[in-house]
Structure formats: structure tokens, C-alpha cells
Protein backbone atom coordinates (compact mmCIF):
# COMPACT_ATOMS: atom_id res chain seq x y z
CA MET A 1 -19.05 -24.36 -15.68
CA ALA A 2 -17.76 -21.34 -13.78
CA PHE A 3 -14.77 -19.10 -14.42
CA LYS A 4 -12.61 -17.04 -12.12
CA GLU A 5 -10.11 -14.34 -13.08
CA LEU A 6 -6.73 -14.08 -11.40
CA ARG A 7 -3.98 -11.48 -11.78
CA ILE A 8 -0.36 -12.63 -11.85
CA LYS A 9 3.06 -11.07 -12.43
CA VAL A 10 5.62 -13.24 -14.19
CA SER A 11 9.37 -12.82 -13.74
CA ALA A 12 11.27 -14.76 -16.40
CA GLU A 13 14.85 -16.08 -16.40
CA GLN A 14 15.01 -16.53 -12.62
CA LYS A 15 17.30 -18.99 -10.84
CA LYS A 16 14.49 -20.45 -8.74
CA GLU A 17 10.91 -21.16 -9.80
CA SER A 18 8.20 -20.18 -7.34
CA VAL A 19 4.63 -18.98 -6.87
CA THR A 20 3.88 -16.63 -3.98
CA LEU A 21 0.84 -14.64 -2.95
CA ALA A 22 1.43 -10.87 -2.89
CA SER A 23 -0.24 -8.54 -0.41
CA ASP A 24 -2.45 -7.11 -3.19
CA GLY A 25 -3.93 -10.55 -3.92
CA ARG A 26 -2.12 -11.37 -7.14
CA LEU A 27 0.33 -14.22 -7.59
CA LEU A 28 4.02 -13.54 -8.20
CA VAL A 29 5.37 -16.26 -10.49
CA SER A 30 9.09 -16.78 -11.08
CA VAL A 31 10.14 -19.05 -13.95
CA ARG A 32 13.48 -20.19 -15.34
CA ASP A 33 12.41 -20.01 -18.98
CA LYS A 34 13.09 -17.06 -21.29
CA ARG A 35 10.43 -14.68 -22.62
CA GLU A 36 10.75 -16.04 -26.14
CA ASP A 37 8.20 -18.07 -28.10
CA GLY A 38 5.82 -18.07 -25.13
CA LYS A 39 8.05 -20.39 -23.08
CA ALA A 40 7.82 -18.30 -19.89
CA ASN A 41 4.04 -18.00 -20.28
CA LEU A 42 3.58 -21.76 -20.67
CA ARG A 43 5.73 -22.49 -17.63
CA ALA A 44 3.89 -19.85 -15.60
CA LEU A 45 0.56 -21.46 -16.49
CA MET A 46 1.88 -24.86 -15.38
CA LEU A 47 3.14 -23.48 -12.06
CA VAL A 48 -0.12 -21.65 -11.37
CA SER A 49 -2.17 -24.75 -12.15
CA GLU A 50 -0.04 -26.78 -9.72
CA TYR A 51 -0.35 -24.05 -7.07
CA LEU A 52 -4.15 -23.93 -7.44
CA ASN A 53 -4.42 -27.73 -7.80
CA VAL A 54 -6.36 -27.55 -11.07
CA PRO A 55 -5.58 -29.19 -14.44
CA SER A 56 -3.31 -27.08 -16.63
CA THR A 57 -5.96 -27.16 -19.37
CA HIS A 58 -8.23 -25.13 -17.05
CA VAL A 59 -5.83 -22.15 -16.92
CA THR A 60 -5.54 -19.71 -19.85
CA ILE A 61 -4.19 -16.19 -20.37
CA LEU A 62 -7.02 -13.74 -20.87
CA ARG A 63 -4.95 -10.52 -21.11
CA GLY A 64 -1.26 -9.60 -21.06
CA HIS A 65 0.31 -12.22 -23.35
CA ASN A 66 3.32 -9.95 -23.99
CA LEU A 67 3.43 -8.22 -20.59
CA PRO A 68 4.77 -9.30 -17.19
CA THR A 69 1.38 -8.59 -15.59
CA LYS A 70 -1.30 -10.96 -16.84
CA THR A 71 -4.93 -11.79 -16.17
CA LEU A 72 -5.71 -15.50 -16.17
CA ARG A 73 -9.02 -17.27 -16.58
CA ILE A 74 -9.39 -20.30 -14.32
CA ARG A 75 -12.14 -22.82 -15.06
CA THR A 76 -13.61 -24.04 -11.79
CA ALA A 77 -16.20 -26.60 -10.80
CA MET A 78 -19.54 -25.23 -9.67
């Protein structure tokens, strides 16, 4: 089993949900949910997993649970 780290920036309470690749290589994730009770984080993980075409159970937050900028751990096949 292999792991890959990915940096993202989450913008909560947006009108439109999206995932875009920034020029610095991180993903910019916009979600409709609020930053309370981890709702925005959960939705961001779902959107990233769809974008990367991996199961949502393979994507976890490694660092930045309470910050807009996060580091994710992606479990990948070898």
C-alpha cells in the first residue's frame, strides 16, 4: 500500500462547489457547507476523492484540521 500527500485550500460557505488545480500544484476546493462540526472538511474530502477518482475512505486529513490550508494523505494502489 502506498501513500501520497496532497496540499489543498478549502473555502467554506461558497455558492458553487468546485475543485480546481492551482498554479502551485495544490487543489483549491470550494464547498457550500459551514466550518462547523467538521462539515466543510468532510465535504472537501468527498469532492477531492471524486476529483481524484479514488474511494472517499482513501482520503484523510493529515494536517490542518482547523485551518483552510490542509495536507491530505491519499492511499493509492502500487
